[in-house]
Amino acid sequence: MKHPVDVHVGKRVRHRRWMIGMTQQQLADKVGIKFQQIQKYETGMNRISASRLWDIADALGVSISFFFEGLGAEAPVIDEQMGDILADKEALMLVRSYYAIPEAQRRRLFDLAKVLSDAA
């Protein structure tokens, strides 16, 4: 039986991998394992050891804490919403493009989007 924490961490691995446009094969190559193992991690079928999580975090350019963000009572709802949003190819392309913008310009774009959404 899958443990909810393993499922959450696996979803965060998949989420970050998608955000930076990396395939399961590319991540597996960087970590030194088979892509099938990445699939098992991302679904929560296999638990990720501490040392492997360290390697994955390094390969994805995040801290270990990234994988545990949002973990708590509200986590299933947040994960469902993120999964639905990121399943849409246009939304995923938009998010990737957003993070490709330099930080100062990205902040201004974010502020503009917030003003527009508040006015809608």
Protein backbone atom coordinates (compact mmCIF):
# COMPACT_ATOMS: atom_id res chain seq x y z
CA MET A 1 0.00 0.00 0.00
CA LYS A 2 1.27 3.47 -0.91
CA HIS A 3 2.11 5.80 1.95
CA PRO A 4 0.65 9.32 1.47
CA VAL A 5 4.04 10.95 2.08
CA ASP A 6 5.67 8.80 -0.61
CA VAL A 7 2.89 9.75 -3.04
CA HIS A 8 3.27 13.45 -2.20
CA VAL A 9 7.06 13.39 -2.61
CA GLY A 10 6.71 11.50 -5.90
CA LYS A 11 4.25 14.07 -7.22
CA ARG A 12 6.63 16.86 -6.27
CA VAL A 13 9.44 15.08 -8.17
CA ARG A 14 7.21 14.83 -11.25
CA HIS A 15 6.03 18.43 -10.85
CA ARG A 16 9.57 19.81 -10.72
CA ARG A 17 10.74 17.59 -13.58
CA TRP A 18 7.88 18.86 -15.75
CA MET A 19 8.53 22.46 -14.76
CA ILE A 20 12.09 22.35 -16.04
CA GLY A 21 11.22 20.28 -19.11
CA MET A 22 13.18 17.20 -18.13
CA THR A 23 12.15 13.69 -19.18
CA GLN A 24 12.13 10.70 -16.86
CA GLN A 25 15.03 9.29 -18.86
CA GLN A 26 17.09 12.46 -18.44
CA LEU A 27 16.49 12.49 -14.69
CA ALA A 28 17.31 8.80 -14.44
CA ASP A 29 20.56 9.36 -16.34
CA LYS A 30 21.57 12.21 -14.02
CA VAL A 31 20.82 10.14 -10.92
CA GLY A 32 22.30 6.92 -12.31
CA ILE A 33 19.21 4.69 -12.31
CA LYS A 34 16.69 3.32 -14.84
CA PHE A 35 13.77 5.51 -15.93
CA GLN A 36 11.36 2.83 -14.70
CA GLN A 37 12.56 3.56 -11.17
CA ILE A 38 11.74 7.24 -11.67
CA GLN A 39 8.23 6.16 -12.74
CA LYS A 40 7.85 4.14 -9.54
CA TYR A 41 9.09 7.06 -7.42
CA GLU A 42 6.73 9.51 -9.10
CA THR A 43 3.69 7.33 -8.47
CA GLY A 44 4.67 6.57 -4.88
CA MET A 45 4.97 2.85 -5.61
CA ASN A 46 8.57 2.90 -4.38
CA ARG A 47 9.83 4.97 -1.45
CA ILE A 48 12.77 7.27 -2.19
CA SER A 49 15.72 6.80 0.16
CA ALA A 50 17.34 9.87 1.73
CA SER A 51 20.49 9.57 -0.39
CA ARG A 52 18.49 9.10 -3.59
CA LEU A 53 16.27 12.08 -2.72
CA TRP A 54 19.45 14.11 -2.25
CA ASP A 55 20.63 13.10 -5.74
CA ILE A 56 17.22 13.88 -7.27
CA ALA A 57 17.10 17.28 -5.57
CA ASP A 58 20.55 18.07 -6.95
CA ALA A 59 19.58 16.95 -10.46
CA LEU A 60 16.39 19.03 -10.36
CA GLY A 61 18.06 22.07 -8.81
CA VAL A 62 15.94 22.26 -5.65
CA SER A 63 16.44 21.79 -1.94
CA ILE A 64 15.26 18.64 -0.19
CA SER A 65 12.52 20.66 1.51
CA PHE A 66 10.89 21.32 -1.89
CA PHE A 67 9.58 17.76 -1.95
CA PHE A 68 7.77 18.20 1.37
CA GLU A 69 6.17 21.59 0.66
CA GLY A 70 2.39 21.50 0.94
CA LEU A 71 2.42 18.33 2.99
CA GLY A 72 -0.38 18.40 5.53
CA ALA A 73 -4.14 18.21 5.78
CA GLU A 74 -4.70 20.30 2.65
CA ALA A 75 -2.04 18.57 0.52
CA PRO A 76 -4.37 16.18 -1.40
CA VAL A 77 -6.50 19.08 -2.65
CA ILE A 78 -3.45 21.11 -3.65
CA ASP A 79 -1.90 18.12 -5.43
CA GLU A 80 -5.13 17.41 -7.35
CA GLN A 81 -5.39 21.02 -8.50
CA MET A 82 -1.73 21.13 -9.57
CA GLY A 83 -2.10 17.83 -11.39
CA ASP A 84 -5.16 19.11 -13.26
CA ILE A 85 -3.42 22.37 -14.17
CA LEU A 86 -0.20 20.73 -15.28
CA ALA A 87 -2.08 18.12 -17.33
CA ASP A 88 -3.05 21.00 -19.65
CA LYS A 89 -0.24 21.39 -22.18
CA GLU A 90 -0.88 25.11 -22.67
CA ALA A 91 -0.72 25.78 -18.91
CA LEU A 92 2.51 23.82 -18.61
CA MET A 93 4.06 25.74 -21.51
CA LEU A 94 2.98 29.01 -19.89
CA VAL A 95 4.57 28.07 -16.57
CA ARG A 96 7.80 27.00 -18.24
CA SER A 97 7.92 30.24 -20.22
CA TYR A 98 7.24 32.24 -17.07
CA TYR A 99 10.19 30.70 -15.24
CA ALA A 100 12.45 31.32 -18.24
CA ILE A 101 11.97 35.10 -17.79
CA PRO A 102 14.62 36.87 -15.68
CA GLU A 103 13.48 37.34 -12.08
CA ALA A 104 13.04 41.13 -12.12
CA GLN A 105 10.89 41.01 -15.25
CA ARG A 106 9.04 37.95 -13.95
CA ARG A 107 8.09 39.86 -10.79
CA ARG A 108 6.68 42.73 -12.89
CA LEU A 109 4.74 40.28 -15.05
CA PHE A 110 3.37 38.61 -11.92
CA ASP A 111 2.25 41.97 -10.52
CA LEU A 112 0.53 42.81 -13.83
CA ALA A 113 -1.26 39.44 -13.88
CA LYS A 114 -2.42 39.95 -10.31
CA VAL A 115 -3.85 43.40 -11.12
CA LEU A 116 -5.63 42.03 -14.19
CA SER A 117 -7.11 39.09 -12.31
CA ASP A 118 -8.30 41.36 -9.49
CA ALA A 119 -10.01 43.59 -12.06
CA ALA A 120 -11.75 40.68 -13.79
